[in-house]
């Protein structure tokens, strides 16, 4: 399974990125690339936290997919 990063631009110019397979992973960035990078970092933190607490995590060889 790939973790899909959904990304959109807000009316105020900020970018928002969300990983819907990981509840709570939604973050803003000043650029598209910034939002994607922050979403990846937050997703990894959430996955690490789940692993530390013995919770289920998505399994994947390629963890992130970002649409063009």
PDB file of N, CA and C in Angstrom:
ATOM      1  N   UNK A   1       0.836  -1.184   0.000  1.00  0.00           N
ATOM      2  CA  UNK A   1       0.000   0.000   0.000  1.00  0.00           C
ATOM      3  C   UNK A   1       0.876   1.241   0.000  1.00  0.00           C
ATOM      4  N   UNK A   2       0.505   2.198  -0.805  1.00  0.00           N
ATOM      5  CA  UNK A   2       1.168   3.500  -0.802  1.00  0.00           C
ATOM      6  C   UNK A   2       0.364   4.460   0.045  1.00  0.00           C
ATOM      7  N   UNK A   3       1.040   5.330   0.721  1.00  0.00           N
ATOM      8  CA  UNK A   3       0.359   6.395   1.454  1.00  0.00           C
ATOM      9  C   UNK A   3       0.254   7.586   0.508  1.00  0.00           C
ATOM     10  N   UNK A   4      -0.941   7.874   0.107  1.00  0.00           N
ATOM     11  CA  UNK A   4      -1.171   8.948  -0.851  1.00  0.00           C
ATOM     12  C   UNK A   4      -1.246  10.289  -0.132  1.00  0.00           C
ATOM     13  N   UNK A   5      -0.490  11.240  -0.626  1.00  0.00           N
ATOM     14  CA  UNK A   5      -0.526  12.596  -0.090  1.00  0.00           C
ATOM     15  C   UNK A   5      -1.451  13.415  -0.979  1.00  0.00           C
ATOM     16  N   UNK A   6      -2.542  13.883  -0.389  1.00  0.00           N
ATOM     17  CA  UNK A   6      -3.466  14.747  -1.112  1.00  0.00           C
ATOM     18  C   UNK A   6      -3.049  16.185  -0.831  1.00  0.00           C
ATOM     19  N   UNK A   7      -2.999  16.981  -1.884  1.00  0.00           N
ATOM     20  CA  UNK A   7      -2.493  18.341  -1.727  1.00  0.00           C
ATOM     21  C   UNK A   7      -3.395  19.321  -2.467  1.00  0.00           C
ATOM     22  N   UNK A   8      -3.588  20.470  -1.860  1.00  0.00           N
ATOM     23  CA  UNK A   8      -4.429  21.505  -2.458  1.00  0.00           C
ATOM     24  C   UNK A   8      -3.907  22.871  -2.034  1.00  0.00           C
ATOM     25  N   UNK A   9      -4.289  23.864  -2.800  1.00  0.00           N
ATOM     26  CA  UNK A   9      -3.897  25.234  -2.470  1.00  0.00           C
ATOM     27  C   UNK A   9      -5.110  25.962  -1.908  1.00  0.00           C
ATOM     28  N   UNK A  10      -4.928  26.582  -0.773  1.00  0.00           N
ATOM     29  CA  UNK A  10      -5.991  27.331  -0.122  1.00  0.00           C
ATOM     30  C   UNK A  10      -6.157  28.697  -0.794  1.00  0.00           C
ATOM     31  N   UNK A  11      -7.265  29.343  -0.536  1.00  0.00           N
ATOM     32  CA  UNK A  11      -7.523  30.654  -1.124  1.00  0.00           C
ATOM     33  C   UNK A  11      -6.495  31.703  -0.697  1.00  0.00           C
ATOM     34  N   UNK A  12      -5.924  31.535   0.499  1.00  0.00           N
ATOM     35  CA  UNK A  12      -4.942  32.511   0.990  1.00  0.00           C
ATOM     36  C   UNK A  12      -3.527  32.235   0.468  1.00  0.00           C
ATOM     37  N   UNK A  13      -3.381  31.220  -0.397  1.00  0.00           N
ATOM     38  CA  UNK A  13      -2.084  30.926  -0.998  1.00  0.00           C
ATOM     39  C   UNK A  13      -1.307  29.811  -0.333  1.00  0.00           C
ATOM     40  N   UNK A  14      -1.690  29.445   0.886  1.00  0.00           N
ATOM     41  CA  UNK A  14      -0.988  28.338   1.561  1.00  0.00           C
ATOM     42  C   UNK A  14      -1.350  27.013   0.891  1.00  0.00           C
ATOM     43  N   UNK A  15      -0.466  26.053   1.034  1.00  0.00           N
ATOM     44  CA  UNK A  15      -0.697  24.699   0.547  1.00  0.00           C
ATOM     45  C   UNK A  15      -1.030  23.819   1.732  1.00  0.00           C
ATOM     46  N   UNK A  16      -1.958  22.890   1.536  1.00  0.00           N
ATOM     47  CA  UNK A  16      -2.315  21.938   2.578  1.00  0.00           C
ATOM     48  C   UNK A  16      -2.079  20.531   2.039  1.00  0.00           C
ATOM     49  N   UNK A  17      -1.460  19.703   2.851  1.00  0.00           N
ATOM     50  CA  UNK A  17      -1.180  18.317   2.468  1.00  0.00           C
ATOM     51  C   UNK A  17      -1.739  17.398   3.543  1.00  0.00           C
ATOM     52  N   UNK A  18      -2.337  16.293   3.096  1.00  0.00           N
ATOM     53  CA  UNK A  18      -2.964  15.351   4.024  1.00  0.00           C
ATOM     54  C   UNK A  18      -2.679  13.922   3.590  1.00  0.00           C
ATOM     55  N   UNK A  19      -2.419  13.063   4.567  1.00  0.00           N
ATOM     56  CA  UNK A  19      -2.287  11.632   4.328  1.00  0.00           C
ATOM     57  C   UNK A  19      -3.532  11.009   4.960  1.00  0.00           C
ATOM     58  N   UNK A  20      -4.535  10.731   4.137  1.00  0.00           N
ATOM     59  CA  UNK A  20      -5.826  10.293   4.668  1.00  0.00           C
ATOM     60  C   UNK A  20      -5.772   8.924   5.336  1.00  0.00           C
ATOM     61  N   UNK A  21      -4.790   8.082   4.993  1.00  0.00           N
ATOM     62  CA  UNK A  21      -4.653   6.772   5.631  1.00  0.00           C
ATOM     63  C   UNK A  21      -4.132   6.868   7.058  1.00  0.00           C
ATOM     64  N   UNK A  22      -3.654   8.043   7.442  1.00  0.00           N
ATOM     65  CA  UNK A  22      -3.145   8.263   8.796  1.00  0.00           C
ATOM     66  C   UNK A  22      -3.904   9.448   9.401  1.00  0.00           C
ATOM     67  N   UNK A  23      -4.955   9.176  10.144  1.00  0.00           N
ATOM     68  CA  UNK A  23      -5.743  10.265  10.731  1.00  0.00           C
ATOM     69  C   UNK A  23      -4.868  11.243  11.504  1.00  0.00           C
ATOM     70  N   UNK A  24      -5.130  12.519  11.275  1.00  0.00           N
ATOM     71  CA  UNK A  24      -4.379  13.569  11.957  1.00  0.00           C
ATOM     72  C   UNK A  24      -3.186  14.088  11.184  1.00  0.00           C
ATOM     73  N   UNK A  25      -2.832  13.423  10.082  1.00  0.00           N
ATOM     74  CA  UNK A  25      -1.693  13.888   9.286  1.00  0.00           C
ATOM     75  C   UNK A  25      -2.210  14.864   8.235  1.00  0.00           C
ATOM     76  N   UNK A  26      -2.268  16.117   8.646  1.00  0.00           N
ATOM     77  CA  UNK A  26      -2.691  17.218   7.779  1.00  0.00           C
ATOM     78  C   UNK A  26      -1.867  18.419   8.191  1.00  0.00           C
ATOM     79  N   UNK A  27      -1.243  19.080   7.216  1.00  0.00           N
ATOM     80  CA  UNK A  27      -0.316  20.146   7.563  1.00  0.00           C
ATOM     81  C   UNK A  27      -0.252  21.182   6.446  1.00  0.00           C
ATOM     82  N   UNK A  28       0.036  22.416   6.824  1.00  0.00           N
ATOM     83  CA  UNK A  28       0.175  23.507   5.869  1.00  0.00           C
ATOM     84  C   UNK A  28       1.640  23.763   5.551  1.00  0.00           C
ATOM     85  N   UNK A  29       1.882  24.287   4.346  1.00  0.00           N
ATOM     86  CA  UNK A  29       3.205  24.717   3.944  1.00  0.00           C
ATOM     87  C   UNK A  29       3.092  25.966   3.093  1.00  0.00           C
ATOM     88  N   UNK A  30       4.167  26.726   3.019  1.00  0.00           N
ATOM     89  CA  UNK A  30       4.149  27.958   2.230  1.00  0.00           C
ATOM     90  C   UNK A  30       4.269  27.682   0.737  1.00  0.00           C
ATOM     91  N   UNK A  31       4.828  26.513   0.378  1.00  0.00           N
ATOM     92  CA  UNK A  31       4.915  26.082  -1.020  1.00  0.00           C
ATOM     93  C   UNK A  31       4.409  24.648  -1.109  1.00  0.00           C
ATOM     94  N   UNK A  32       4.173  24.189  -2.324  1.00  0.00           N
ATOM     95  CA  UNK A  32       3.722  22.804  -2.518  1.00  0.00           C
ATOM     96  C   UNK A  32       4.765  21.830  -1.956  1.00  0.00           C
ATOM     97  N   UNK A  33       6.018  22.070  -2.301  1.00  0.00           N
ATOM     98  CA  UNK A  33       7.091  21.197  -1.826  1.00  0.00           C
ATOM     99  C   UNK A  33       7.236  21.208  -0.319  1.00  0.00           C
ATOM    100  N   UNK A  34       7.065  22.375   0.283  1.00  0.00           N
ATOM    101  CA  UNK A  34       7.133  22.502   1.734  1.00  0.00           C
ATOM    102  C   UNK A  34       6.026  21.689   2.396  1.00  0.00           C
ATOM    103  N   UNK A  35       4.816  21.790   1.865  1.00  0.00           N
ATOM    104  CA  UNK A  35       3.690  21.046   2.430  1.00  0.00           C
ATOM    105  C   UNK A  35       3.902  19.541   2.298  1.00  0.00           C
ATOM    106  N   UNK A  36       4.397  19.093   1.155  1.00  0.00           N
ATOM    107  CA  UNK A  36       4.658  17.666   0.943  1.00  0.00           C
ATOM    108  C   UNK A  36       5.736  17.171   1.907  1.00  0.00           C
ATOM    109  N   UNK A  37       6.821  17.921   2.038  1.00  0.00           N
ATOM    110  CA  UNK A  37       7.902  17.527   2.945  1.00  0.00           C
ATOM    111  C   UNK A  37       7.412  17.448   4.387  1.00  0.00           C
ATOM    112  N   UNK A  38       6.625  18.428   4.805  1.00  0.00           N
ATOM    113  CA  UNK A  38       6.102  18.425   6.174  1.00  0.00           C
ATOM    114  C   UNK A  38       5.135  17.274   6.391  1.00  0.00           C
ATOM    115  N   UNK A  39       4.323  16.942   5.377  1.00  0.00           N
ATOM    116  CA  UNK A  39       3.377  15.826   5.498  1.00  0.00           C
ATOM    117  C   UNK A  39       4.130  14.501   5.624  1.00  0.00           C
ATOM    118  N   UNK A  40       5.185  14.332   4.841  1.00  0.00           N
ATOM    119  CA  UNK A  40       5.998  13.112   4.944  1.00  0.00           C
ATOM    120  C   UNK A  40       6.615  12.998   6.334  1.00  0.00           C
ATOM    121  N   UNK A  41       7.180  14.088   6.830  1.00  0.00           N
ATOM    122  CA  UNK A  41       7.817  14.060   8.154  1.00  0.00           C
ATOM    123  C   UNK A  41       6.801  13.741   9.245  1.00  0.00           C
ATOM    124  N   UNK A  42       5.629  14.370   9.180  1.00  0.00           N
ATOM    125  CA  UNK A  42       4.605  14.112  10.185  1.00  0.00           C
ATOM    126  C   UNK A  42       4.103  12.674  10.093  1.00  0.00           C
ATOM    127  N   UNK A  43       3.922  12.168   8.871  1.00  0.00           N
ATOM    128  CA  UNK A  43       3.483  10.782   8.695  1.00  0.00           C
ATOM    129  C   UNK A  43       4.497   9.812   9.305  1.00  0.00           C
ATOM    130  N   UNK A  44       5.766  10.075   9.094  1.00  0.00           N
ATOM    131  CA  UNK A  44       6.801   9.203   9.678  1.00  0.00           C
ATOM    132  C   UNK A  44       6.776   9.252  11.202  1.00  0.00           C
ATOM    133  N   UNK A  45       6.522  10.436  11.755  1.00  0.00           N
ATOM    134  CA  UNK A  45       6.423  10.545  13.219  1.00  0.00           C
ATOM    135  C   UNK A  45       5.233   9.742  13.749  1.00  0.00           C
ATOM    136  N   UNK A  46       4.116   9.826  13.044  1.00  0.00           N
ATOM    137  CA  UNK A  46       2.921   9.079  13.456  1.00  0.00           C
ATOM    138  C   UNK A  46       3.179   7.578  13.363  1.00  0.00           C
ATOM    139  N   UNK A  47       3.806   7.135  12.274  1.00  0.00           N
ATOM    140  CA  UNK A  47       4.123   5.717  12.113  1.00  0.00           C
ATOM    141  C   UNK A  47       5.081   5.256  13.204  1.00  0.00           C
ATOM    142  N   UNK A  48       6.109   6.050  13.490  1.00  0.00           N
ATOM    143  CA  UNK A  48       7.068   5.698  14.545  1.00  0.00           C
ATOM    144  C   UNK A  48       6.368   5.591  15.891  1.00  0.00           C
ATOM    145  N   UNK A  49       5.471   6.518  16.175  1.00  0.00           N
ATOM    146  CA  UNK A  49       4.737   6.486  17.434  1.00  0.00           C
ATOM    147  C   UNK A  49       3.878   5.225  17.525  1.00  0.00           C
ATOM    148  N   UNK A  50       3.224   4.875  16.433  1.00  0.00           N
ATOM    149  CA  UNK A  50       2.402   3.662  16.421  1.00  0.00           C
ATOM    150  C   UNK A  50       3.259   2.423  16.641  1.00  0.00           C
ATOM    151  N   UNK A  51       4.421   2.378  15.978  1.00  0.00           N
ATOM    152  CA  UNK A  51       5.320   1.234  16.161  1.00  0.00           C
ATOM    153  C   UNK A  51       5.770   1.118  17.614  1.00  0.00           C
ATOM    154  N   UNK A  52       6.112   2.239  18.218  1.00  0.00           N
ATOM    155  CA  UNK A  52       6.571   2.238  19.607  1.00  0.00           C
ATOM    156  C   UNK A  52       5.490   1.736  20.566  1.00  0.00           C
ATOM    157  N   UNK A  53       4.231   1.960  20.190  1.00  0.00           N
ATOM    158  CA  UNK A  53       3.129   1.559  21.063  1.00  0.00           C
ATOM    159  C   UNK A  53       2.460   0.265  20.612  1.00  0.00           C
ATOM    160  N   UNK A  54       3.091  -0.451  19.675  1.00  0.00           N
ATOM    161  CA  UNK A  54       2.576  -1.739  19.230  1.00  0.00           C
ATOM    162  C   UNK A  54       1.288  -1.656  18.431  1.00  0.00           C
ATOM    163  N   UNK A  55       1.020  -0.493  17.852  1.00  0.00           N
ATOM    164  CA  UNK A  55      -0.195  -0.319  17.061  1.00  0.00           C
ATOM    165  C   UNK A  55       0.055  -0.692  15.597  1.00  0.00           C
ATOM    166  N   UNK A  56      -1.012  -0.890  14.863  1.00  0.00           N
ATOM    167  CA  UNK A  56      -0.935  -1.262  13.468  1.00  0.00           C
ATOM    168  C   UNK A  56      -0.424  -0.096  12.613  1.00  0.00           C
ATOM    169  N   UNK A  57       0.426  -0.418  11.639  1.00  0.00           N
ATOM    170  CA  UNK A  57       0.927   0.595  10.699  1.00  0.00           C
ATOM    171  C   UNK A  57       0.748   0.076   9.278  1.00  0.00           C
ATOM    172  N   UNK A  58       0.587   0.988   8.314  1.00  0.00           N
ATOM    173  CA  UNK A  58       0.502   0.549   6.912  1.00  0.00           C
ATOM    174  C   UNK A  58       1.808  -0.104   6.486  1.00  0.00           C
ATOM    175  N   UNK A  59       1.706  -1.192   5.736  1.00  0.00           N
ATOM    176  CA  UNK A  59       2.899  -1.862   5.233  1.00  0.00           C
ATOM    177  C   UNK A  59       3.116  -1.461   3.776  1.00  0.00           C
ATOM    178  N   UNK A  60       4.359  -1.149   3.438  1.00  0.00           N
ATOM    179  CA  UNK A  60       4.632  -0.717   2.077  1.00  0.00           C
ATOM    180  C   UNK A  60       6.118  -0.679   1.807  1.00  0.00           C
ATOM    181  N   UNK A  61       6.496  -1.090   0.593  1.00  0.00           N
ATOM    182  CA  UNK A  61       7.882  -0.932   0.162  1.00  0.00           C
ATOM    183  C   UNK A  61       8.118   0.526  -0.220  1.00  0.00           C
ATOM    184  N   UNK A  62       7.141   1.114  -0.894  1.00  0.00           N
ATOM    185  CA  UNK A  62       7.188   2.533  -1.229  1.00  0.00           C
ATOM    186  C   UNK A  62       6.117   3.196  -0.394  1.00  0.00           C
ATOM    187  N   UNK A  63       6.505   3.983   0.555  1.00  0.00           N
ATOM    188  CA  UNK A  63       5.557   4.498   1.512  1.00  0.00           C
ATOM    189  C   UNK A  63       4.725   5.664   1.013  1.00  0.00           C
ATOM    190  N   UNK A  64       5.269   6.540   0.174  1.00  0.00           N
ATOM    191  CA  UNK A  64       4.561   7.734  -0.232  1.00  0.00           C
ATOM    192  C   UNK A  64       4.362   7.792  -1.738  1.00  0.00           C
ATOM    193  N   UNK A  65       3.198   8.262  -2.131  1.00  0.00           N
ATOM    194  CA  UNK A  65       2.905   8.543  -3.535  1.00  0.00           C
ATOM    195  C   UNK A  65       2.377   9.968  -3.600  1.00  0.00           C
ATOM    196  N   UNK A  66       2.988  10.804  -4.420  1.00  0.00           N
ATOM    197  CA  UNK A  66       2.572  12.191  -4.567  1.00  0.00           C
ATOM    198  C   UNK A  66       2.165  12.389  -6.027  1.00  0.00           C
ATOM    199  N   UNK A  67       0.897  12.754  -6.261  1.00  0.00           N
ATOM    200  CA  UNK A  67       0.484  12.973  -7.652  1.00  0.00           C
ATOM    201  C   UNK A  67       1.201  14.165  -8.279  1.00  0.00           C
ATOM    202  N   UNK A  68       1.382  14.102  -9.562  1.00  0.00           N
ATOM    203  CA  UNK A  68       2.077  15.176 -10.288  1.00  0.00           C
ATOM    204  C   UNK A  68       1.261  16.442 -10.350  1.00  0.00           C
TER     205      UNK A  68
END
